[in-house]
Amino acid sequence: MKRRLVLAAGLLTLAAVLYAGVRLARTLSFFHVRRIELVGGTYLTPADIARVIAVPARASIFDETAPFLARVRRMAGVRAARIARRLPGTLRVTIREAEAIALGERNGRLVLLDARGTILPFDPTSPAADLPLAEADPTVAGVLARVRETDADLFAGIDRGSRLKQDVVLEMGGGRVIFRADATGDEIRDLALIRDWLAREGRSWRELDARFSSRVVVRGRGA
């Protein structure tokens, strides 16, 4: 029992010392927040994050970060965020932005679209987005997202995406490919294989139609 009491007293003393140490450290200018680092930002910058966090003057690295984190998570286009401390005076903010899948047009200007066809609050010119043009349509954006997930090379060749009644047309390299709105990864891979085979054979085509189960229809030119 005596040993337990001594151990408990030691732990309480250590906790008190640590608590006092943190309180003291908060008053030292050496531990004031002087820098905001950003990890994971493509369109947002450290200045954007610092402006939203609005760290008070003389704030310490040991201050509670939950209010800062809440502000970052409320930012439009931010899907997830966390904040870590780096001594002596840096807050490292790691974010996951909404992923842009295409460029669209709204009121005569370019905008970024996500996989649901929603306009993202990012500047598409900073950095310049190498993405296809598309209608702000969830069906078109959804097919584009599945193409990029399935075959990055096929996605890289797409110039524009649009609706054709209930289907989706993707223009690429002077031709076009057609998918159903619910095109699967297997159907996208099948079309990519046919396109690659035609290229190896030196055969041109105007249209690849993947709307039919287990087959791709090749139309036009040297097909």
C-alpha atoms as a PDB file:
ATOM      1  CA  MET A   1       0.000   0.000   0.000  1.00  0.00           C
ATOM      2  CA  LYS A   2       2.807   2.359   0.905  1.00  0.00           C
ATOM      3  CA  ARG A   3       4.492   1.688  -2.438  1.00  0.00           C
ATOM      4  CA  ARG A   4       1.272   2.488  -4.275  1.00  0.00           C
ATOM      5  CA  LEU A   5       0.849   5.737  -2.369  1.00  0.00           C
ATOM      6  CA  VAL A   6       4.405   6.750  -3.192  1.00  0.00           C
ATOM      7  CA  LEU A   7       3.854   5.927  -6.887  1.00  0.00           C
ATOM      8  CA  ALA A   8       0.582   7.865  -6.994  1.00  0.00           C
ATOM      9  CA  ALA A   9       2.216  10.853  -5.315  1.00  0.00           C
ATOM     10  CA  GLY A  10       5.038  10.716  -7.843  1.00  0.00           C
ATOM     11  CA  LEU A  11       2.636  10.659 -10.770  1.00  0.00           C
ATOM     12  CA  LEU A  12       0.679  13.585  -9.362  1.00  0.00           C
ATOM     13  CA  THR A  13       3.883  15.528  -8.875  1.00  0.00           C
ATOM     14  CA  LEU A  14       5.002  14.782 -12.436  1.00  0.00           C
ATOM     15  CA  ALA A  15       1.609  15.851 -13.820  1.00  0.00           C
ATOM     16  CA  ALA A  16       1.783  19.077 -11.826  1.00  0.00           C
ATOM     17  CA  VAL A  17       5.271  19.800 -13.113  1.00  0.00           C
ATOM     18  CA  LEU A  18       4.240  19.144 -16.718  1.00  0.00           C
ATOM     19  CA  TYR A  19       1.150  21.314 -16.347  1.00  0.00           C
ATOM     20  CA  ALA A  20       3.185  24.137 -14.859  1.00  0.00           C
ATOM     21  CA  GLY A  21       5.772  23.702 -17.601  1.00  0.00           C
ATOM     22  CA  VAL A  22       3.172  24.015 -20.359  1.00  0.00           C
ATOM     23  CA  ARG A  23       1.653  27.106 -18.705  1.00  0.00           C
ATOM     24  CA  LEU A  24       5.102  28.642 -18.489  1.00  0.00           C
ATOM     25  CA  ALA A  25       5.942  27.727 -22.088  1.00  0.00           C
ATOM     26  CA  ARG A  26       2.796  29.469 -23.286  1.00  0.00           C
ATOM     27  CA  THR A  27       4.138  32.756 -21.939  1.00  0.00           C
ATOM     28  CA  LEU A  28       7.487  32.463 -23.719  1.00  0.00           C
ATOM     29  CA  SER A  29       7.828  34.271 -27.047  1.00  0.00           C
ATOM     30  CA  PHE A  30      10.057  31.423 -28.255  1.00  0.00           C
ATOM     31  CA  PHE A  31       6.923  29.269 -28.553  1.00  0.00           C
ATOM     32  CA  HIS A  32       4.695  31.853 -30.223  1.00  0.00           C
ATOM     33  CA  VAL A  33       3.136  30.704 -33.515  1.00  0.00           C
ATOM     34  CA  ARG A  34       5.200  32.255 -36.263  1.00  0.00           C
ATOM     35  CA  ARG A  35       4.557  29.989 -39.249  1.00  0.00           C
ATOM     36  CA  ILE A  36       1.723  28.066 -40.904  1.00  0.00           C
ATOM     37  CA  GLU A  37       2.715  25.076 -43.060  1.00  0.00           C
ATOM     38  CA  LEU A  38       0.287  23.540 -45.560  1.00  0.00           C
ATOM     39  CA  VAL A  39       0.414  19.906 -46.690  1.00  0.00           C
ATOM     40  CA  GLY A  40      -1.870  18.532 -49.384  1.00  0.00           C
ATOM     41  CA  GLY A  41      -2.986  21.816 -50.927  1.00  0.00           C
ATOM     42  CA  THR A  42      -3.222  22.018 -54.701  1.00  0.00           C
ATOM     43  CA  TYR A  43      -5.386  25.100 -55.098  1.00  0.00           C
ATOM     44  CA  LEU A  44      -5.377  26.487 -51.563  1.00  0.00           C
ATOM     45  CA  THR A  45      -2.192  28.187 -50.357  1.00  0.00           C
ATOM     46  CA  PRO A  46      -0.625  28.646 -46.904  1.00  0.00           C
ATOM     47  CA  ALA A  47      -1.790  32.267 -47.061  1.00  0.00           C
ATOM     48  CA  ASP A  48      -5.389  31.106 -47.593  1.00  0.00           C
ATOM     49  CA  ILE A  49      -5.161  28.812 -44.571  1.00  0.00           C
ATOM     50  CA  ALA A  50      -3.452  31.425 -42.378  1.00  0.00           C
ATOM     51  CA  ARG A  51      -6.147  33.962 -43.245  1.00  0.00           C
ATOM     52  CA  VAL A  52      -8.919  31.564 -42.232  1.00  0.00           C
ATOM     53  CA  ILE A  53      -7.222  30.300 -39.075  1.00  0.00           C
ATOM     54  CA  ALA A  54      -6.557  33.888 -37.960  1.00  0.00           C
ATOM     55  CA  VAL A  55      -4.049  32.980 -35.250  1.00  0.00           C
ATOM     56  CA  PRO A  56      -4.140  35.719 -32.578  1.00  0.00           C
ATOM     57  CA  ALA A  57      -1.025  37.740 -31.891  1.00  0.00           C
ATOM     58  CA  ARG A  58       1.182  36.116 -29.255  1.00  0.00           C
ATOM     59  CA  ALA A  59      -0.665  32.781 -29.602  1.00  0.00           C
ATOM     60  CA  SER A  60       1.418  29.864 -28.347  1.00  0.00           C
ATOM     61  CA  ILE A  61       2.146  26.605 -30.115  1.00  0.00           C
ATOM     62  CA  PHE A  62       0.737  24.956 -26.969  1.00  0.00           C
ATOM     63  CA  ASP A  63      -2.653  26.663 -27.224  1.00  0.00           C
ATOM     64  CA  GLU A  64      -5.708  24.574 -28.101  1.00  0.00           C
ATOM     65  CA  THR A  65      -5.879  23.972 -31.864  1.00  0.00           C
ATOM     66  CA  ALA A  66      -9.510  22.776 -32.052  1.00  0.00           C
ATOM     67  CA  PRO A  67     -10.897  26.240 -32.952  1.00  0.00           C
ATOM     68  CA  PHE A  68      -8.342  26.580 -35.770  1.00  0.00           C
ATOM     69  CA  LEU A  69      -9.169  23.110 -37.070  1.00  0.00           C
ATOM     70  CA  ALA A  70     -12.899  23.849 -37.072  1.00  0.00           C
ATOM     71  CA  ARG A  71     -12.340  26.929 -39.232  1.00  0.00           C
ATOM     72  CA  VAL A  72     -10.267  25.001 -41.768  1.00  0.00           C
ATOM     73  CA  ARG A  73     -12.835  22.206 -41.980  1.00  0.00           C
ATOM     74  CA  ARG A  74     -15.554  24.763 -42.739  1.00  0.00           C
ATOM     75  CA  MET A  75     -13.644  26.082 -45.760  1.00  0.00           C
ATOM     76  CA  ALA A  76     -15.397  25.478 -49.078  1.00  0.00           C
ATOM     77  CA  GLY A  77     -13.644  22.740 -51.002  1.00  0.00           C
ATOM     78  CA  VAL A  78     -11.929  21.179 -47.971  1.00  0.00           C
ATOM     79  CA  ARG A  79     -12.976  17.563 -47.424  1.00  0.00           C
ATOM     80  CA  ALA A  80     -10.732  16.722 -44.447  1.00  0.00           C
ATOM     81  CA  ALA A  81      -8.124  18.453 -42.290  1.00  0.00           C
ATOM     82  CA  ARG A  82      -5.867  17.981 -39.299  1.00  0.00           C
ATOM     83  CA  ILE A  83      -3.399  20.197 -37.444  1.00  0.00           C
ATOM     84  CA  ALA A  84      -0.105  19.227 -35.825  1.00  0.00           C
ATOM     85  CA  ARG A  85       2.418  21.255 -33.838  1.00  0.00           C
ATOM     86  CA  ARG A  86       6.073  21.586 -34.766  1.00  0.00           C
ATOM     87  CA  LEU A  87       8.314  23.177 -32.171  1.00  0.00           C
ATOM     88  CA  PRO A  88       9.181  25.868 -31.614  1.00  0.00           C
ATOM     89  CA  GLY A  89       6.486  27.865 -33.456  1.00  0.00           C
ATOM     90  CA  THR A  90       4.915  26.125 -36.458  1.00  0.00           C
ATOM     91  CA  LEU A  91       1.413  24.804 -37.049  1.00  0.00           C
ATOM     92  CA  ARG A  92       1.319  22.186 -39.804  1.00  0.00           C
ATOM     93  CA  VAL A  93      -2.090  21.980 -41.470  1.00  0.00           C
ATOM     94  CA  THR A  94      -2.754  18.888 -43.592  1.00  0.00           C
ATOM     95  CA  ILE A  95      -5.827  19.026 -45.832  1.00  0.00           C
ATOM     96  CA  ARG A  96      -7.587  16.969 -48.461  1.00  0.00           C
ATOM     97  CA  GLU A  97      -9.219  19.145 -51.092  1.00  0.00           C
ATOM     98  CA  ALA A  98     -12.219  18.224 -53.196  1.00  0.00           C
ATOM     99  CA  GLU A  99     -10.839  16.634 -56.360  1.00  0.00           C
ATOM    100  CA  ALA A 100     -11.404  18.464 -59.631  1.00  0.00           C
ATOM    101  CA  ILE A 101     -12.419  16.200 -62.518  1.00  0.00           C
ATOM    102  CA  ALA A 102     -13.095  18.698 -65.324  1.00  0.00           C
ATOM    103  CA  LEU A 103     -13.255  22.322 -66.389  1.00  0.00           C
ATOM    104  CA  GLY A 104     -16.660  23.871 -66.951  1.00  0.00           C
ATOM    105  CA  GLU A 105     -18.011  27.274 -67.883  1.00  0.00           C
ATOM    106  CA  ARG A 106     -20.142  29.566 -65.762  1.00  0.00           C
ATOM    107  CA  ASN A 107     -21.069  33.134 -66.754  1.00  0.00           C
ATOM    108  CA  GLY A 108     -18.328  33.279 -69.366  1.00  0.00           C
ATOM    109  CA  ARG A 109     -15.509  32.077 -67.124  1.00  0.00           C
ATOM    110  CA  LEU A 110     -13.824  28.764 -66.478  1.00  0.00           C
ATOM    111  CA  VAL A 111     -14.651  26.863 -63.300  1.00  0.00           C
ATOM    112  CA  LEU A 112     -13.574  23.547 -61.789  1.00  0.00           C
ATOM    113  CA  LEU A 113     -16.035  20.675 -61.435  1.00  0.00           C
ATOM    114  CA  ASP A 114     -15.907  17.710 -59.067  1.00  0.00           C
ATOM    115  CA  ALA A 115     -17.123  14.150 -59.712  1.00  0.00           C
ATOM    116  CA  ARG A 116     -20.717  15.221 -58.971  1.00  0.00           C
ATOM    117  CA  GLY A 117     -20.623  18.096 -61.454  1.00  0.00           C
ATOM    118  CA  THR A 118     -20.538  20.629 -58.609  1.00  0.00           C
ATOM    119  CA  ILE A 119     -18.593  23.835 -59.137  1.00  0.00           C
ATOM    120  CA  LEU A 120     -15.570  24.011 -56.829  1.00  0.00           C
ATOM    121  CA  PRO A 121     -14.485  27.305 -55.208  1.00  0.00           C
ATOM    122  CA  PHE A 122     -10.959  27.141 -56.615  1.00  0.00           C
ATOM    123  CA  ASP A 123      -9.178  29.213 -59.236  1.00  0.00           C
ATOM    124  CA  PRO A 124      -8.601  26.871 -62.244  1.00  0.00           C
ATOM    125  CA  THR A 125      -5.600  28.928 -63.366  1.00  0.00           C
ATOM    126  CA  SER A 126      -3.622  28.530 -60.139  1.00  0.00           C
ATOM    127  CA  PRO A 127      -2.162  26.083 -60.865  1.00  0.00           C
ATOM    128  CA  ALA A 128      -3.320  25.680 -64.453  1.00  0.00           C
ATOM    129  CA  ALA A 129      -5.621  22.659 -64.558  1.00  0.00           C
ATOM    130  CA  ASP A 130      -4.911  20.134 -67.330  1.00  0.00           C
ATOM    131  CA  LEU A 131      -8.451  18.767 -67.406  1.00  0.00           C
ATOM    132  CA  PRO A 132     -11.100  18.161 -70.080  1.00  0.00           C
ATOM    133  CA  LEU A 133     -13.908  20.614 -70.643  1.00  0.00           C
ATOM    134  CA  ALA A 134     -17.312  19.348 -69.573  1.00  0.00           C
ATOM    135  CA  GLU A 135     -20.862  20.338 -68.890  1.00  0.00           C
ATOM    136  CA  ALA A 136     -21.679  20.984 -65.230  1.00  0.00           C
ATOM    137  CA  ASP A 137     -23.643  17.757 -65.191  1.00  0.00           C
ATOM    138  CA  PRO A 138     -23.372  14.987 -62.562  1.00  0.00           C
ATOM    139  CA  THR A 139     -23.720  12.220 -65.154  1.00  0.00           C
ATOM    140  CA  VAL A 140     -20.893  13.555 -67.337  1.00  0.00           C
ATOM    141  CA  ALA A 141     -18.688  14.256 -64.322  1.00  0.00           C
ATOM    142  CA  GLY A 142     -19.363  10.794 -62.906  1.00  0.00           C
ATOM    143  CA  VAL A 143     -18.287   9.037 -66.103  1.00  0.00           C
ATOM    144  CA  LEU A 144     -15.173  11.209 -66.308  1.00  0.00           C
ATOM    145  CA  ALA A 145     -14.293  10.301 -62.719  1.00  0.00           C
ATOM    146  CA  ARG A 146     -14.646   6.579 -63.433  1.00  0.00           C
ATOM    147  CA  VAL A 147     -12.533   6.876 -66.583  1.00  0.00           C
ATOM    148  CA  ARG A 148      -9.745   8.599 -64.671  1.00  0.00           C
ATOM    149  CA  GLU A 149      -9.896   6.014 -61.898  1.00  0.00           C
ATOM    150  CA  THR A 150      -9.831   3.133 -64.397  1.00  0.00           C
ATOM    151  CA  ASP A 151      -7.403   4.305 -67.092  1.00  0.00           C
ATOM    152  CA  ALA A 152      -5.364   7.477 -66.581  1.00  0.00           C
ATOM    153  CA  ASP A 153      -3.999   7.373 -70.150  1.00  0.00           C
ATOM    154  CA  LEU A 154      -7.494   7.257 -71.619  1.00  0.00           C
ATOM    155  CA  PHE A 155      -8.562  10.130 -69.384  1.00  0.00           C
ATOM    156  CA  ALA A 156      -5.534  12.203 -70.399  1.00  0.00           C
ATOM    157  CA  GLY A 157      -6.660  12.083 -74.047  1.00  0.00           C
ATOM    158  CA  ILE A 158     -10.160  13.456 -73.405  1.00  0.00           C
ATOM    159  CA  ASP A 159     -10.799  16.970 -74.689  1.00  0.00           C
ATOM    160  CA  ARG A 160     -14.477  17.421 -73.819  1.00  0.00           C
ATOM    161  CA  GLY A 161     -17.373  15.588 -72.177  1.00  0.00           C
ATOM    162  CA  SER A 162     -21.081  16.142 -72.854  1.00  0.00           C
ATOM    163  CA  ARG A 163     -24.487  14.471 -72.627  1.00  0.00           C
ATOM    164  CA  LEU A 164     -26.122  12.579 -75.495  1.00  0.00           C
ATOM    165  CA  LYS A 165     -29.644  12.014 -74.151  1.00  0.00           C
ATOM    166  CA  GLN A 166     -29.045   9.483 -71.350  1.00  0.00           C
ATOM    167  CA  ASP A 167     -25.476   8.682 -72.451  1.00  0.00           C
ATOM    168  CA  VAL A 168     -22.129  10.470 -72.268  1.00  0.00           C
ATOM    169  CA  VAL A 169     -19.909  11.465 -75.202  1.00  0.00           C
ATOM    170  CA  LEU A 170     -16.202  12.028 -74.694  1.00  0.00           C
ATOM    171  CA  GLU A 171     -14.358  13.790 -77.521  1.00  0.00           C
ATOM    172  CA  MET A 172     -10.718  12.854 -77.957  1.00  0.00           C
ATOM    173  CA  GLY A 173      -8.123  13.071 -80.699  1.00  0.00           C
ATOM    174  CA  GLY A 174     -10.542  14.045 -83.453  1.00  0.00           C
ATOM    175  CA  GLY A 175     -12.935  11.190 -82.629  1.00  0.00           C
ATOM    176  CA  ARG A 176     -15.352  10.415 -79.862  1.00  0.00           C
ATOM    177  CA  VAL A 177     -16.249   7.602 -77.496  1.00  0.00           C
ATOM    178  CA  ILE A 178     -19.715   6.939 -76.095  1.00  0.00           C
ATOM    179  CA  PHE A 179     -20.521   5.399 -72.725  1.00  0.00           C
ATOM    180  CA  ARG A 180     -23.722   4.712 -70.898  1.00  0.00           C
ATOM    181  CA  ALA A 181     -24.203   6.851 -67.806  1.00  0.00           C
ATOM    182  CA  ASP A 182     -23.600   3.776 -65.639  1.00  0.00           C
ATOM    183  CA  ALA A 183     -20.518   2.539 -67.517  1.00  0.00           C
ATOM    184  CA  THR A 184     -18.454   0.165 -65.388  1.00  0.00           C
ATOM    185  CA  GLY A 185     -14.705  -0.049 -64.965  1.00  0.00           C
ATOM    186  CA  ASP A 186     -14.650  -3.251 -67.048  1.00  0.00           C
ATOM    187  CA  GLU A 187     -16.446  -1.519 -69.933  1.00  0.00           C
ATOM    188  CA  ILE A 188     -14.037   1.389 -69.777  1.00  0.00           C
ATOM    189  CA  ARG A 189     -11.066  -1.011 -69.834  1.00  0.00           C
ATOM    190  CA  ASP A 190     -12.554  -2.873 -72.794  1.00  0.00           C
ATOM    191  CA  LEU A 191     -12.845   0.344 -74.772  1.00  0.00           C
ATOM    192  CA  ALA A 192      -9.283   1.354 -73.881  1.00  0.00           C
ATOM    193  CA  LEU A 193      -8.008  -2.029 -75.111  1.00  0.00           C
ATOM    194  CA  ILE A 194      -9.843  -1.618 -78.424  1.00  0.00           C
ATOM    195  CA  ARG A 195      -8.505   1.906 -78.846  1.00  0.00           C
ATOM    196  CA  ASP A 196      -4.945   0.755 -78.157  1.00  0.00           C
ATOM    197  CA  TRP A 197      -5.297  -2.184 -80.578  1.00  0.00           C
ATOM    198  CA  LEU A 198      -6.543   0.117 -83.344  1.00  0.00           C
ATOM    199  CA  ALA A 199      -3.572   2.429 -82.733  1.00  0.00           C
ATOM    200  CA  ARG A 200      -1.092  -0.467 -82.969  1.00  0.00           C
ATOM    201  CA  GLU A 201      -2.717  -1.638 -86.202  1.00  0.00           C
ATOM    202  CA  GLY A 202      -2.577   1.873 -87.652  1.00  0.00           C
ATOM    203  CA  ARG A 203      -6.336   1.946 -88.123  1.00  0.00           C
ATOM    204  CA  SER A 204      -8.179   5.222 -87.713  1.00  0.00           C
ATOM    205  CA  TRP A 205     -11.673   5.573 -86.287  1.00  0.00           C
ATOM    206  CA  ARG A 206     -14.326   8.212 -85.866  1.00  0.00           C
ATOM    207  CA  GLU A 207     -16.369   6.736 -83.049  1.00  0.00           C
ATOM    208  CA  LEU A 208     -16.032   4.018 -80.404  1.00  0.00           C
ATOM    209  CA  ASP A 209     -19.386   3.053 -78.917  1.00  0.00           C
ATOM    210  CA  ALA A 210     -19.258   1.157 -75.609  1.00  0.00           C
ATOM    211  CA  ARG A 211     -22.967   1.276 -74.793  1.00  0.00           C
ATOM    212  CA  PHE A 212     -23.496  -2.392 -75.631  1.00  0.00           C
ATOM    213  CA  SER A 213     -22.829  -5.284 -73.269  1.00  0.00           C
ATOM    214  CA  SER A 214     -19.461  -7.041 -73.811  1.00  0.00           C
ATOM    215  CA  ARG A 215     -18.619  -5.307 -77.075  1.00  0.00           C
ATOM    216  CA  VAL A 216     -17.361  -2.036 -78.524  1.00  0.00           C
ATOM    217  CA  VAL A 217     -18.665  -0.834 -81.883  1.00  0.00           C
ATOM    218  CA  VAL A 218     -16.059   0.884 -84.067  1.00  0.00           C
ATOM    219  CA  ARG A 219     -17.346   3.320 -86.666  1.00  0.00           C
ATOM    220  CA  GLY A 220     -15.896   5.503 -89.426  1.00  0.00           C
ATOM    221  CA  ARG A 221     -12.683   6.157 -91.324  1.00  0.00           C
ATOM    222  CA  GLY A 222     -10.335   3.214 -91.592  1.00  0.00           C
ATOM    223  CA  ALA A 223     -12.140   1.066 -89.024  1.00  0.00           C
END
